[in-house]
Amino acid sequence: MKFISFVLTFTLITSCFLSCTKDINSSFYSHYSIEDSVGLQFTPNSVVSFINNVLVNGNKYYIIQPKRIFLYNAQGTFLKKLSKFGSGPNEYSEITWADININKEVIIYDGISNNILVYDSLLTFKKKYFINTKYNNYLMFIISKNNHYYFYNKNIFVDKFTINEFDTNLNHKNSYSLFPYNSAIEYRIAGNRNLAYAFDKNQLIISHIFDPKIKILDIHLKQELPPILLHNNFWTSINKNKVKRLLPNEGANPKNIYHYLRGKVKIWKIFYTGNGNILIEYWLPHKKFVLQLFNLNTKSALHTVIIPDKLGEINAIHGHHIFFVRYHPENPNLNPTILIFTQKTL
């Protein structure tokens, strides 16, 4: 009798688990599967309480913070820490932005001192450049495949947003105007986090987070291509029932939720994945994130999925791998874990 009772209980629990987990988040796992989980080693010299960004360089992971970079191997073993903030010849005031160039060098942009610092793959200092102060107020930079630097500049005095191009030696080459400063009031309040971008060969794909369009800047032709409207693809990919389940506290009427969200969806990040495809991460209220695979040639969405709450926002994409960061607040002696997903459909 106890065995029968156990079987019934187990069956009920199993059926409940299957029905309860068959929710909106399950569609994410139909397109993306977890490939690896890397726990970052905790040592007295490698206490990682938060992560701004993860850079991937072959079998190395660079954990970026405003003042430090932690280097780990692909198994999560701690290798080195870069902590050189100051005003010395090989020091920085802050790590405003960081990236990896085609030579596998780690590039740091210090937005306070307007310097570029170059390190080898093991974080050994190589050289330092100063950027002409004529082109200041940089909010972020992008490295192209020819090792040119493209700095995003918001100049409130001339009312415009520009991309400034520098060669490998930080000589200014070109300026590209993006959009007028007063084109939307939100541009004034967005702060530093106001541009999503991806690089595809000679095309710089750009979107302001409050703008429902993608703009493509052709670096080779030095012209801006016609914009692509994105939000229509977003709304046709998510029906009202999904929106209601996504934000159940915003009201009982799906139409109200739908209208509420329409003005609050932001294009958070853009990643180029090859074959004319980009991944667009949308931000919704209450820190909900939606991921859309979008084809630039057909100007249509291939799929749109809601990222499970436990994953949060995407931290990095390298090739066809998507990186999330999971924190462990319950254990102060445990560093974050990097979760690596792979696209099933391309």
C-alpha atoms as a PDB file:
ATOM      1  CA  MET A   1       0.000   0.000   0.000  1.00  0.00           C
ATOM      2  CA  LYS A   2       2.855   2.346   0.837  1.00  0.00           C
ATOM      3  CA  PHE A   3       4.428   1.489  -2.520  1.00  0.00           C
ATOM      4  CA  ILE A   4       1.193   2.342  -4.383  1.00  0.00           C
ATOM      5  CA  SER A   5       0.899   5.573  -2.417  1.00  0.00           C
ATOM      6  CA  PHE A   6       4.498   6.420  -3.307  1.00  0.00           C
ATOM      7  CA  VAL A   7       3.895   5.712  -6.986  1.00  0.00           C
ATOM      8  CA  LEU A   8       0.772   7.918  -7.004  1.00  0.00           C
ATOM      9  CA  THR A   9       2.601  10.708  -5.198  1.00  0.00           C
ATOM     10  CA  PHE A  10       5.565  10.453  -7.550  1.00  0.00           C
ATOM     11  CA  THR A  11       3.243  10.483 -10.581  1.00  0.00           C
ATOM     12  CA  LEU A  12       1.431  13.574  -9.308  1.00  0.00           C
ATOM     13  CA  ILE A  13       4.704  15.389  -8.613  1.00  0.00           C
ATOM     14  CA  THR A  14       6.086  14.423 -12.028  1.00  0.00           C
ATOM     15  CA  SER A  15       2.948  15.480 -13.895  1.00  0.00           C
ATOM     16  CA  CYS A  16       2.838  18.731 -11.927  1.00  0.00           C
ATOM     17  CA  PHE A  17       6.494  19.377 -12.755  1.00  0.00           C
ATOM     18  CA  LEU A  18       5.922  18.786 -16.443  1.00  0.00           C
ATOM     19  CA  SER A  19       2.813  20.952 -16.603  1.00  0.00           C
ATOM     20  CA  CYS A  20       4.234  23.686 -14.378  1.00  0.00           C
ATOM     21  CA  THR A  21       7.486  23.966 -16.327  1.00  0.00           C
ATOM     22  CA  LYS A  22       5.707  23.979 -19.669  1.00  0.00           C
ATOM     23  CA  ASP A  23       5.443  27.757 -19.576  1.00  0.00           C
ATOM     24  CA  ILE A  24       6.617  30.617 -21.700  1.00  0.00           C
ATOM     25  CA  ASN A  25      10.256  30.049 -20.790  1.00  0.00           C
ATOM     26  CA  SER A  26      10.271  26.579 -22.351  1.00  0.00           C
ATOM     27  CA  SER A  27      10.424  28.134 -25.830  1.00  0.00           C
ATOM     28  CA  PHE A  28      13.884  29.490 -25.014  1.00  0.00           C
ATOM     29  CA  TYR A  29      15.186  25.969 -24.465  1.00  0.00           C
ATOM     30  CA  SER A  30      13.677  24.809 -27.756  1.00  0.00           C
ATOM     31  CA  HIS A  31      16.106  27.131 -29.562  1.00  0.00           C
ATOM     32  CA  TYR A  32      19.062  27.200 -27.157  1.00  0.00           C
ATOM     33  CA  SER A  33      20.722  24.425 -25.194  1.00  0.00           C
ATOM     34  CA  ILE A  34      23.223  24.689 -22.359  1.00  0.00           C
ATOM     35  CA  GLU A  35      26.679  23.497 -23.346  1.00  0.00           C
ATOM     36  CA  ASP A  36      28.795  24.217 -20.301  1.00  0.00           C
ATOM     37  CA  SER A  37      28.757  25.653 -16.800  1.00  0.00           C
ATOM     38  CA  VAL A  38      32.006  27.225 -15.581  1.00  0.00           C
ATOM     39  CA  GLY A  39      32.424  28.106 -11.918  1.00  0.00           C
ATOM     40  CA  LEU A  40      35.010  30.862 -11.444  1.00  0.00           C
ATOM     41  CA  GLN A  41      37.641  29.873  -8.871  1.00  0.00           C
ATOM     42  CA  PHE A  42      37.434  31.762  -5.570  1.00  0.00           C
ATOM     43  CA  THR A  43      40.762  32.795  -4.021  1.00  0.00           C
ATOM     44  CA  PRO A  44      41.817  35.678  -1.729  1.00  0.00           C
ATOM     45  CA  ASN A  45      43.082  37.467  -4.852  1.00  0.00           C
ATOM     46  CA  SER A  46      40.061  36.715  -7.038  1.00  0.00           C
ATOM     47  CA  VAL A  47      36.904  37.767  -5.201  1.00  0.00           C
ATOM     48  CA  VAL A  48      34.426  38.576  -7.981  1.00  0.00           C
ATOM     49  CA  SER A  49      31.333  40.152  -6.480  1.00  0.00           C
ATOM     50  CA  PHE A  50      29.927  41.413  -9.780  1.00  0.00           C
ATOM     51  CA  ILE A  51      30.720  41.322 -13.497  1.00  0.00           C
ATOM     52  CA  ASN A  52      30.330  44.215 -15.919  1.00  0.00           C
ATOM     53  CA  ASN A  53      31.277  42.204 -18.955  1.00  0.00           C
ATOM     54  CA  VAL A  54      32.885  38.948 -20.064  1.00  0.00           C
ATOM     55  CA  LEU A  55      35.405  38.918 -22.910  1.00  0.00           C
ATOM     56  CA  VAL A  56      36.201  35.607 -24.590  1.00  0.00           C
ATOM     57  CA  ASN A  57      39.597  35.082 -26.191  1.00  0.00           C
ATOM     58  CA  GLY A  58      40.051  31.465 -27.277  1.00  0.00           C
ATOM     59  CA  ASN A  59      40.279  29.446 -24.063  1.00  0.00           C
ATOM     60  CA  LYS A  60      40.542  32.516 -21.836  1.00  0.00           C
ATOM     61  CA  TYR A  61      37.823  34.500 -20.053  1.00  0.00           C
ATOM     62  CA  TYR A  62      38.374  38.113 -19.018  1.00  0.00           C
ATOM     63  CA  ILE A  63      36.036  39.280 -16.255  1.00  0.00           C
ATOM     64  CA  ILE A  64      35.689  43.055 -16.563  1.00  0.00           C
ATOM     65  CA  GLN A  65      35.005  45.415 -13.669  1.00  0.00           C
ATOM     66  CA  PRO A  66      35.327  49.241 -13.564  1.00  0.00           C
ATOM     67  CA  LYS A  67      38.762  49.013 -11.892  1.00  0.00           C
ATOM     68  CA  ARG A  68      39.948  45.443 -12.470  1.00  0.00           C
ATOM     69  CA  ILE A  69      40.173  42.568 -14.924  1.00  0.00           C
ATOM     70  CA  PHE A  70      40.290  38.950 -13.747  1.00  0.00           C
ATOM     71  CA  LEU A  71      41.737  36.350 -16.118  1.00  0.00           C
ATOM     72  CA  TYR A  72      40.466  32.760 -16.041  1.00  0.00           C
ATOM     73  CA  ASN A  73      40.997  29.754 -18.263  1.00  0.00           C
ATOM     74  CA  ALA A  74      38.121  27.840 -19.862  1.00  0.00           C
ATOM     75  CA  GLN A  75      37.864  25.558 -16.803  1.00  0.00           C
ATOM     76  CA  GLY A  76      37.388  28.525 -14.461  1.00  0.00           C
ATOM     77  CA  THR A  77      40.892  28.436 -12.927  1.00  0.00           C
ATOM     78  CA  PHE A  78      42.081  31.864 -11.808  1.00  0.00           C
ATOM     79  CA  LEU A  79      45.237  32.983 -13.651  1.00  0.00           C
ATOM     80  CA  LYS A  80      45.819  36.691 -13.070  1.00  0.00           C
ATOM     81  CA  LYS A  81      44.327  39.989 -11.910  1.00  0.00           C
ATOM     82  CA  LEU A  82      44.923  43.377 -13.531  1.00  0.00           C
ATOM     83  CA  SER A  83      44.517  46.196 -11.018  1.00  0.00           C
ATOM     84  CA  LYS A  84      46.545  49.193 -12.152  1.00  0.00           C
ATOM     85  CA  PHE A  85      44.346  52.211 -11.527  1.00  0.00           C
ATOM     86  CA  GLY A  86      46.150  55.508 -11.112  1.00  0.00           C
ATOM     87  CA  SER A  87      47.822  58.156 -13.274  1.00  0.00           C
ATOM     88  CA  GLY A  88      51.114  56.377 -14.012  1.00  0.00           C
ATOM     89  CA  PRO A  89      52.408  55.442 -17.480  1.00  0.00           C
ATOM     90  CA  ASN A  90      50.837  51.971 -17.418  1.00  0.00           C
ATOM     91  CA  GLU A  91      47.830  52.838 -15.226  1.00  0.00           C
ATOM     92  CA  TYR A  92      44.199  53.799 -15.871  1.00  0.00           C
ATOM     93  CA  SER A  93      41.616  55.862 -14.009  1.00  0.00           C
ATOM     94  CA  GLU A  94      38.802  53.476 -14.875  1.00  0.00           C
ATOM     95  CA  ILE A  95      37.931  50.754 -17.365  1.00  0.00           C
ATOM     96  CA  THR A  96      35.216  52.560 -19.284  1.00  0.00           C
ATOM     97  CA  TRP A  97      35.170  49.915 -21.987  1.00  0.00           C
ATOM     98  CA  ALA A  98      37.254  46.890 -22.943  1.00  0.00           C
ATOM     99  CA  ASP A  99      37.529  44.662 -25.983  1.00  0.00           C
ATOM    100  CA  ILE A 100      39.834  42.232 -27.816  1.00  0.00           C
ATOM    101  CA  ASN A 101      41.381  43.052 -31.198  1.00  0.00           C
ATOM    102  CA  ILE A 102      42.329  40.706 -34.038  1.00  0.00           C
ATOM    103  CA  ASN A 103      45.832  40.327 -32.574  1.00  0.00           C
ATOM    104  CA  LYS A 104      44.262  38.808 -29.433  1.00  0.00           C
ATOM    105  CA  GLU A 105      45.336  41.853 -27.425  1.00  0.00           C
ATOM    106  CA  VAL A 106      43.179  43.242 -24.636  1.00  0.00           C
ATOM    107  CA  ILE A 107      42.274  46.885 -25.229  1.00  0.00           C
ATOM    108  CA  ILE A 108      41.139  49.153 -22.400  1.00  0.00           C
ATOM    109  CA  TYR A 109      39.556  52.520 -22.979  1.00  0.00           C
ATOM    110  CA  ASP A 110      39.883  54.930 -20.042  1.00  0.00           C
ATOM    111  CA  GLY A 111      37.158  57.526 -20.528  1.00  0.00           C
ATOM    112  CA  ILE A 112      38.394  59.759 -17.700  1.00  0.00           C
ATOM    113  CA  SER A 113      41.922  60.274 -19.004  1.00  0.00           C
ATOM    114  CA  ASN A 114      40.997  59.644 -22.676  1.00  0.00           C
ATOM    115  CA  ASN A 115      43.641  56.937 -23.026  1.00  0.00           C
ATOM    116  CA  ILE A 116      43.795  53.594 -24.806  1.00  0.00           C
ATOM    117  CA  LEU A 117      45.888  50.926 -23.053  1.00  0.00           C
ATOM    118  CA  VAL A 118      47.023  47.769 -24.856  1.00  0.00           C
ATOM    119  CA  TYR A 119      47.824  44.480 -23.073  1.00  0.00           C
ATOM    120  CA  ASP A 120      48.794  41.072 -24.402  1.00  0.00           C
ATOM    121  CA  SER A 121      46.548  38.050 -23.862  1.00  0.00           C
ATOM    122  CA  LEU A 122      48.103  37.439 -20.419  1.00  0.00           C
ATOM    123  CA  LEU A 123      47.440  41.055 -19.345  1.00  0.00           C
ATOM    124  CA  THR A 124      51.037  42.223 -19.640  1.00  0.00           C
ATOM    125  CA  PHE A 125      51.172  45.939 -20.461  1.00  0.00           C
ATOM    126  CA  LYS A 126      52.408  46.840 -23.964  1.00  0.00           C
ATOM    127  CA  LYS A 127      51.605  50.466 -24.811  1.00  0.00           C
ATOM    128  CA  LYS A 128      49.417  53.441 -24.105  1.00  0.00           C
ATOM    129  CA  TYR A 129      47.834  55.977 -26.467  1.00  0.00           C
ATOM    130  CA  PHE A 130      46.262  59.347 -25.787  1.00  0.00           C
ATOM    131  CA  ILE A 131      43.228  60.319 -27.853  1.00  0.00           C
ATOM    132  CA  ASN A 132      43.009  63.850 -29.217  1.00  0.00           C
ATOM    133  CA  THR A 133      40.814  65.824 -26.829  1.00  0.00           C
ATOM    134  CA  LYS A 134      39.095  67.367 -29.846  1.00  0.00           C
ATOM    135  CA  TYR A 135      37.142  64.093 -30.020  1.00  0.00           C
ATOM    136  CA  ASN A 136      36.101  63.750 -26.405  1.00  0.00           C
ATOM    137  CA  ASN A 137      32.982  62.585 -24.525  1.00  0.00           C
ATOM    138  CA  TYR A 138      33.303  59.037 -25.825  1.00  0.00           C
ATOM    139  CA  LEU A 139      30.770  56.700 -24.336  1.00  0.00           C
ATOM    140  CA  MET A 140      32.018  53.440 -25.816  1.00  0.00           C
ATOM    141  CA  PHE A 141      34.221  52.110 -28.558  1.00  0.00           C
ATOM    142  CA  ILE A 142      34.137  49.324 -31.114  1.00  0.00           C
ATOM    143  CA  ILE A 143      37.104  47.563 -32.720  1.00  0.00           C
ATOM    144  CA  SER A 144      36.651  46.521 -36.332  1.00  0.00           C
ATOM    145  CA  LYS A 145      38.335  43.588 -38.036  1.00  0.00           C
ATOM    146  CA  ASN A 146      41.014  45.897 -39.437  1.00  0.00           C
ATOM    147  CA  ASN A 147      41.875  47.020 -35.892  1.00  0.00           C
ATOM    148  CA  HIS A 148      40.380  50.447 -36.439  1.00  0.00           C
ATOM    149  CA  TYR A 149      38.620  52.003 -33.477  1.00  0.00           C
ATOM    150  CA  TYR A 150      35.128  53.451 -33.727  1.00  0.00           C
ATOM    151  CA  PHE A 151      34.158  55.715 -30.829  1.00  0.00           C
ATOM    152  CA  TYR A 152      30.587  56.699 -30.115  1.00  0.00           C
ATOM    153  CA  ASN A 153      30.429  60.379 -29.204  1.00  0.00           C
ATOM    154  CA  LYS A 154      27.534  62.379 -27.776  1.00  0.00           C
ATOM    155  CA  ASN A 155      28.286  66.066 -28.276  1.00  0.00           C
ATOM    156  CA  ILE A 156      25.614  68.203 -26.629  1.00  0.00           C
ATOM    157  CA  PHE A 157      27.196  71.424 -27.880  1.00  0.00           C
ATOM    158  CA  VAL A 158      26.677  70.687 -31.563  1.00  0.00           C
ATOM    159  CA  ASP A 159      23.482  68.661 -31.050  1.00  0.00           C
ATOM    160  CA  LYS A 160      24.509  65.441 -32.727  1.00  0.00           C
ATOM    161  CA  PHE A 161      25.659  61.885 -32.186  1.00  0.00           C
ATOM    162  CA  THR A 162      28.707  60.778 -34.149  1.00  0.00           C
ATOM    163  CA  ILE A 163      30.980  57.808 -34.662  1.00  0.00           C
ATOM    164  CA  ASN A 164      34.668  58.786 -34.873  1.00  0.00           C
ATOM    165  CA  GLU A 165      37.048  56.393 -36.625  1.00  0.00           C
ATOM    166  CA  PHE A 166      40.703  56.056 -35.623  1.00  0.00           C
ATOM    167  CA  ASP A 167      43.403  53.887 -37.162  1.00  0.00           C
ATOM    168  CA  THR A 168      45.604  51.439 -35.238  1.00  0.00           C
ATOM    169  CA  ASN A 169      47.876  54.267 -34.032  1.00  0.00           C
ATOM    170  CA  LEU A 170      44.918  56.357 -32.853  1.00  0.00           C
ATOM    171  CA  ASN A 171      45.084  58.829 -35.731  1.00  0.00           C
ATOM    172  CA  HIS A 172      41.656  60.239 -36.536  1.00  0.00           C
ATOM    173  CA  LYS A 173      40.388  59.095 -39.941  1.00  0.00           C
ATOM    174  CA  ASN A 174      36.674  59.826 -40.346  1.00  0.00           C
ATOM    175  CA  SER A 175      33.542  61.028 -38.569  1.00  0.00           C
ATOM    176  CA  TYR A 176      30.079  59.612 -39.220  1.00  0.00           C
ATOM    177  CA  SER A 177      26.948  61.440 -38.140  1.00  0.00           C
ATOM    178  CA  LEU A 178      24.269  59.152 -36.699  1.00  0.00           C
ATOM    179  CA  PHE A 179      21.182  61.052 -35.568  1.00  0.00           C
ATOM    180  CA  PRO A 180      20.323  64.518 -34.292  1.00  0.00           C
ATOM    181  CA  TYR A 181      20.631  65.061 -30.570  1.00  0.00           C
ATOM    182  CA  ASN A 182      17.087  66.409 -30.202  1.00  0.00           C
ATOM    183  CA  SER A 183      15.391  63.670 -32.233  1.00  0.00           C
ATOM    184  CA  ALA A 184      13.871  62.255 -29.047  1.00  0.00           C
ATOM    185  CA  ILE A 185      13.706  63.567 -25.493  1.00  0.00           C
ATOM    186  CA  GLU A 186      14.760  60.137 -24.235  1.00  0.00           C
ATOM    187  CA  TYR A 187      18.206  60.635 -25.748  1.00  0.00           C
ATOM    188  CA  ARG A 188      18.861  63.287 -23.117  1.00  0.00           C
ATOM    189  CA  ILE A 189      18.022  61.042 -20.181  1.00  0.00           C
ATOM    190  CA  ALA A 190      19.473  57.746 -21.362  1.00  0.00           C
ATOM    191  CA  GLY A 191      22.899  58.331 -19.819  1.00  0.00           C
ATOM    192  CA  ASN A 192      25.861  56.246 -20.889  1.00  0.00           C
ATOM    193  CA  ARG A 193      23.844  53.125 -21.623  1.00  0.00           C
ATOM    194  CA  ASN A 194      22.092  54.369 -24.726  1.00  0.00           C
ATOM    195  CA  LEU A 195      23.537  52.580 -27.732  1.00  0.00           C
ATOM    196  CA  ALA A 196      23.299  48.985 -28.883  1.00  0.00           C
ATOM    197  CA  TYR A 197      25.598  47.927 -31.693  1.00  0.00           C
ATOM    198  CA  ALA A 198      27.174  45.041 -33.588  1.00  0.00           C
ATOM    199  CA  PHE A 199      29.927  44.896 -36.206  1.00  0.00           C
ATOM    200  CA  ASP A 200      29.512  42.883 -39.421  1.00  0.00           C
ATOM    201  CA  LYS A 201      32.549  43.211 -41.700  1.00  0.00           C
ATOM    202  CA  ASN A 202      32.263  46.787 -42.989  1.00  0.00           C
ATOM    203  CA  GLN A 203      28.810  47.402 -41.541  1.00  0.00           C
ATOM    204  CA  LEU A 204      28.226  48.912 -38.128  1.00  0.00           C
ATOM    205  CA  ILE A 205      24.728  48.002 -36.926  1.00  0.00           C
ATOM    206  CA  ILE A 206      23.424  50.594 -34.486  1.00  0.00           C
ATOM    207  CA  SER A 207      20.282  51.241 -32.512  1.00  0.00           C
ATOM    208  CA  HIS A 208      19.487  53.707 -29.775  1.00  0.00           C
ATOM    209  CA  ILE A 209      17.849  51.799 -26.913  1.00  0.00           C
ATOM    210  CA  PHE A 210      14.729  53.999 -27.122  1.00  0.00           C
ATOM    211  CA  ASP A 211      14.539  53.844 -30.918  1.00  0.00           C
ATOM    212  CA  PRO A 212      12.434  51.113 -32.591  1.00  0.00           C
ATOM    213  CA  LYS A 213      14.785  51.025 -35.586  1.00  0.00           C
ATOM    214  CA  ILE A 214      18.168  49.629 -36.525  1.00  0.00           C
ATOM    215  CA  LYS A 215      20.501  51.893 -38.483  1.00  0.00           C
ATOM    216  CA  ILE A 216      23.291  50.410 -40.570  1.00  0.00           C
ATOM    217  CA  LEU A 217      26.392  52.470 -41.166  1.00  0.00           C
ATOM    218  CA  ASP A 218      28.410  51.210 -44.137  1.00  0.00           C
ATOM    219  CA  ILE A 219      31.999  52.072 -43.161  1.00  0.00           C
ATOM    220  CA  HIS A 220      33.380  51.149 -46.582  1.00  0.00           C
ATOM    221  CA  LEU A 221      30.904  53.286 -48.523  1.00  0.00           C
ATOM    222  CA  LYS A 222      30.778  55.911 -45.748  1.00  0.00           C
ATOM    223  CA  GLN A 223      27.029  56.141 -45.846  1.00  0.00           C
ATOM    224  CA  GLU A 224      24.038  55.282 -43.712  1.00  0.00           C
ATOM    225  CA  LEU A 225      21.679  52.682 -45.180  1.00  0.00           C
ATOM    226  CA  PRO A 226      17.882  52.952 -44.847  1.00  0.00           C
ATOM    227  CA  PRO A 227      16.771  52.060 -41.293  1.00  0.00           C
ATOM    228  CA  ILE A 228      15.017  48.800 -40.468  1.00  0.00           C
ATOM    229  CA  LEU A 229      11.964  48.918 -38.210  1.00  0.00           C
ATOM    230  CA  LEU A 230      12.211  46.328 -35.447  1.00  0.00           C
ATOM    231  CA  HIS A 231       9.304  46.716 -33.059  1.00  0.00           C
ATOM    232  CA  ASN A 232       6.744  45.472 -35.568  1.00  0.00           C
ATOM    233  CA  ASN A 233       8.632  42.181 -35.674  1.00  0.00           C
ATOM    234  CA  PHE A 234       8.719  42.125 -31.892  1.00  0.00           C
ATOM    235  CA  TRP A 235       4.985  42.621 -31.433  1.00  0.00           C
ATOM    236  CA  THR A 236       3.957  40.176 -34.126  1.00  0.00           C
ATOM    237  CA  SER A 237       6.204  37.566 -32.486  1.00  0.00           C
ATOM    238  CA  ILE A 238       4.743  37.907 -28.979  1.00  0.00           C
ATOM    239  CA  ASN A 239       1.003  37.534 -28.601  1.00  0.00           C
ATOM    240  CA  LYS A 240      -1.054  39.178 -25.907  1.00  0.00           C
ATOM    241  CA  ASN A 241      -1.386  36.001 -23.883  1.00  0.00           C
ATOM    242  CA  LYS A 242       2.405  35.732 -23.604  1.00  0.00           C
ATOM    243  CA  VAL A 243       2.653  39.360 -22.582  1.00  0.00           C
ATOM    244  CA  LYS A 244       0.021  38.833 -19.882  1.00  0.00           C
ATOM    245  CA  ARG A 245       1.915  35.854 -18.481  1.00  0.00           C
ATOM    246  CA  LEU A 246       5.169  37.735 -18.689  1.00  0.00           C
ATOM    247  CA  LEU A 247       3.958  40.642 -16.538  1.00  0.00           C
ATOM    248  CA  PRO A 248       0.960  39.382 -14.559  1.00  0.00           C
ATOM    249  CA  ASN A 249       1.029  42.300 -12.122  1.00  0.00           C
ATOM    250  CA  GLU A 250       0.471  45.010 -14.686  1.00  0.00           C
ATOM    251  CA  GLY A 251      -3.299  44.470 -14.908  1.00  0.00           C
ATOM    252  CA  ALA A 252      -5.828  41.816 -15.769  1.00  0.00           C
ATOM    253  CA  ASN A 253      -6.636  43.067 -19.254  1.00  0.00           C
ATOM    254  CA  PRO A 254      -4.082  41.881 -21.841  1.00  0.00           C
ATOM    255  CA  LYS A 255      -4.862  44.916 -24.006  1.00  0.00           C
ATOM    256  CA  ASN A 256      -3.822  47.238 -21.187  1.00  0.00           C
ATOM    257  CA  ILE A 257      -0.565  45.342 -20.709  1.00  0.00           C
ATOM    258  CA  TYR A 258       0.063  45.342 -24.439  1.00  0.00           C
ATOM    259  CA  HIS A 259      -0.421  49.121 -24.597  1.00  0.00           C
ATOM    260  CA  TYR A 260       1.654  49.611 -21.437  1.00  0.00           C
ATOM    261  CA  LEU A 261       4.619  47.719 -22.841  1.00  0.00           C
ATOM    262  CA  ARG A 262       4.547  49.190 -26.327  1.00  0.00           C
ATOM    263  CA  GLY A 263       6.102  52.431 -25.116  1.00  0.00           C
ATOM    264  CA  LYS A 264       8.566  50.789 -22.711  1.00  0.00           C
ATOM    265  CA  VAL A 265      10.320  48.118 -24.755  1.00  0.00           C
ATOM    266  CA  LYS A 266      14.005  48.959 -25.240  1.00  0.00           C
ATOM    267  CA  ILE A 267      16.567  47.474 -27.602  1.00  0.00           C
ATOM    268  CA  TRP A 268      19.152  46.504 -25.006  1.00  0.00           C
ATOM    269  CA  LYS A 269      21.913  44.723 -26.927  1.00  0.00           C
ATOM    270  CA  ILE A 270      22.675  43.600 -30.466  1.00  0.00           C
ATOM    271  CA  PHE A 271      24.992  40.751 -31.476  1.00  0.00           C
ATOM    272  CA  TYR A 272      26.039  39.727 -34.985  1.00  0.00           C
ATOM    273  CA  THR A 273      25.998  35.938 -35.401  1.00  0.00           C
ATOM    274  CA  GLY A 274      26.802  35.480 -39.110  1.00  0.00           C
ATOM    275  CA  ASN A 275      24.833  34.707 -42.274  1.00  0.00           C
ATOM    276  CA  GLY A 276      23.124  38.079 -42.115  1.00  0.00           C
ATOM    277  CA  ASN A 277      21.599  37.245 -38.724  1.00  0.00           C
ATOM    278  CA  ILE A 278      21.709  39.343 -35.582  1.00  0.00           C
ATOM    279  CA  LEU A 279      20.492  38.600 -32.080  1.00  0.00           C
ATOM    280  CA  ILE A 280      18.527  41.438 -30.500  1.00  0.00           C
ATOM    281  CA  GLU A 281      17.995  41.507 -26.757  1.00  0.00           C
ATOM    282  CA  TYR A 282      14.971  43.587 -25.733  1.00  0.00           C
ATOM    283  CA  TRP A 283      14.541  44.981 -22.237  1.00  0.00           C
ATOM    284  CA  LEU A 284      11.070  45.043 -20.710  1.00  0.00           C
ATOM    285  CA  PRO A 285       9.940  46.516 -17.374  1.00  0.00           C
ATOM    286  CA  HIS A 286      10.796  44.557 -14.214  1.00  0.00           C
ATOM    287  CA  LYS A 287      14.070  43.404 -15.819  1.00  0.00           C
ATOM    288  CA  LYS A 288      12.498  40.965 -18.202  1.00  0.00           C
ATOM    289  CA  PHE A 289      14.502  40.179 -21.327  1.00  0.00           C
ATOM    290  CA  VAL A 290      13.375  38.933 -24.721  1.00  0.00           C
ATOM    291  CA  LEU A 291      15.728  37.496 -27.342  1.00  0.00           C
ATOM    292  CA  GLN A 292      15.030  37.719 -31.059  1.00  0.00           C
ATOM    293  CA  LEU A 293      16.948  36.188 -33.953  1.00  0.00           C
ATOM    294  CA  PHE A 294      16.569  38.666 -36.806  1.00  0.00           C
ATOM    295  CA  ASN A 295      17.661  38.377 -40.444  1.00  0.00           C
ATOM    296  CA  LEU A 296      18.918  41.618 -41.992  1.00  0.00           C
ATOM    297  CA  ASN A 297      18.377  40.408 -45.564  1.00  0.00           C
ATOM    298  CA  THR A 298      14.717  39.449 -45.205  1.00  0.00           C
ATOM    299  CA  LYS A 299      14.114  42.084 -42.486  1.00  0.00           C
ATOM    300  CA  SER A 300      12.125  39.581 -40.452  1.00  0.00           C
ATOM    301  CA  ALA A 301      12.386  37.711 -37.162  1.00  0.00           C
ATOM    302  CA  LEU A 302      13.296  34.018 -37.296  1.00  0.00           C
ATOM    303  CA  HIS A 303      12.255  33.433 -33.702  1.00  0.00           C
ATOM    304  CA  THR A 304      11.471  35.427 -30.565  1.00  0.00           C
ATOM    305  CA  VAL A 305      11.798  33.910 -27.088  1.00  0.00           C
ATOM    306  CA  ILE A 306      11.613  35.172 -23.530  1.00  0.00           C
ATOM    307  CA  ILE A 307      14.807  34.611 -21.555  1.00  0.00           C
ATOM    308  CA  PRO A 308      14.101  32.761 -18.295  1.00  0.00           C
ATOM    309  CA  ASP A 309      14.303  34.949 -15.193  1.00  0.00           C
ATOM    310  CA  LYS A 310      17.029  32.807 -13.652  1.00  0.00           C
ATOM    311  CA  LEU A 311      19.335  33.588 -16.588  1.00  0.00           C
ATOM    312  CA  GLY A 312      18.774  37.343 -16.711  1.00  0.00           C
ATOM    313  CA  GLU A 313      20.370  39.371 -19.472  1.00  0.00           C
ATOM    314  CA  ILE A 314      22.990  38.149 -21.933  1.00  0.00           C
ATOM    315  CA  ASN A 315      26.511  39.025 -20.852  1.00  0.00           C
ATOM    316  CA  ALA A 316      28.420  38.137 -24.020  1.00  0.00           C
ATOM    317  CA  ILE A 317      28.219  36.271 -27.311  1.00  0.00           C
ATOM    318  CA  HIS A 318      31.227  34.590 -28.879  1.00  0.00           C
ATOM    319  CA  GLY A 319      30.639  32.788 -32.155  1.00  0.00           C
ATOM    320  CA  HIS A 320      27.473  30.774 -31.669  1.00  0.00           C
ATOM    321  CA  HIS A 321      27.876  30.672 -27.887  1.00  0.00           C
ATOM    322  CA  ILE A 322      25.764  32.819 -25.572  1.00  0.00           C
ATOM    323  CA  PHE A 323      27.124  33.652 -22.114  1.00  0.00           C
ATOM    324  CA  PHE A 324      25.040  34.304 -19.016  1.00  0.00           C
ATOM    325  CA  VAL A 325      26.298  34.993 -15.476  1.00  0.00           C
ATOM    326  CA  ARG A 326      24.714  33.373 -12.420  1.00  0.00           C
ATOM    327  CA  TYR A 327      25.487  34.881  -9.013  1.00  0.00           C
ATOM    328  CA  HIS A 328      25.391  33.044  -5.689  1.00  0.00           C
ATOM    329  CA  PRO A 329      24.325  35.600  -3.043  1.00  0.00           C
ATOM    330  CA  GLU A 330      23.629  32.825  -0.556  1.00  0.00           C
ATOM    331  CA  ASN A 331      27.357  31.960  -0.424  1.00  0.00           C
ATOM    332  CA  PRO A 332      29.830  34.887  -0.121  1.00  0.00           C
ATOM    333  CA  ASN A 333      32.743  32.505  -0.691  1.00  0.00           C
ATOM    334  CA  LEU A 334      31.496  31.460  -4.103  1.00  0.00           C
ATOM    335  CA  ASN A 335      32.283  33.395  -7.273  1.00  0.00           C
ATOM    336  CA  PRO A 336      29.727  33.676 -10.084  1.00  0.00           C
ATOM    337  CA  THR A 337      29.177  30.864 -12.565  1.00  0.00           C
ATOM    338  CA  ILE A 338      29.314  31.391 -16.322  1.00  0.00           C
ATOM    339  CA  LEU A 339      26.582  29.542 -18.196  1.00  0.00           C
ATOM    340  CA  ILE A 340      27.279  28.893 -21.872  1.00  0.00           C
ATOM    341  CA  PHE A 341      24.438  28.206 -24.292  1.00  0.00           C
ATOM    342  CA  THR A 342      24.518  27.244 -27.978  1.00  0.00           C
ATOM    343  CA  GLN A 343      21.990  28.088 -30.649  1.00  0.00           C
ATOM    344  CA  LYS A 344      20.178  25.056 -31.979  1.00  0.00           C
ATOM    345  CA  THR A 345      18.833  26.906 -35.010  1.00  0.00           C
ATOM    346  CA  LEU A 346      20.840  29.386 -37.067  1.00  0.00           C
END
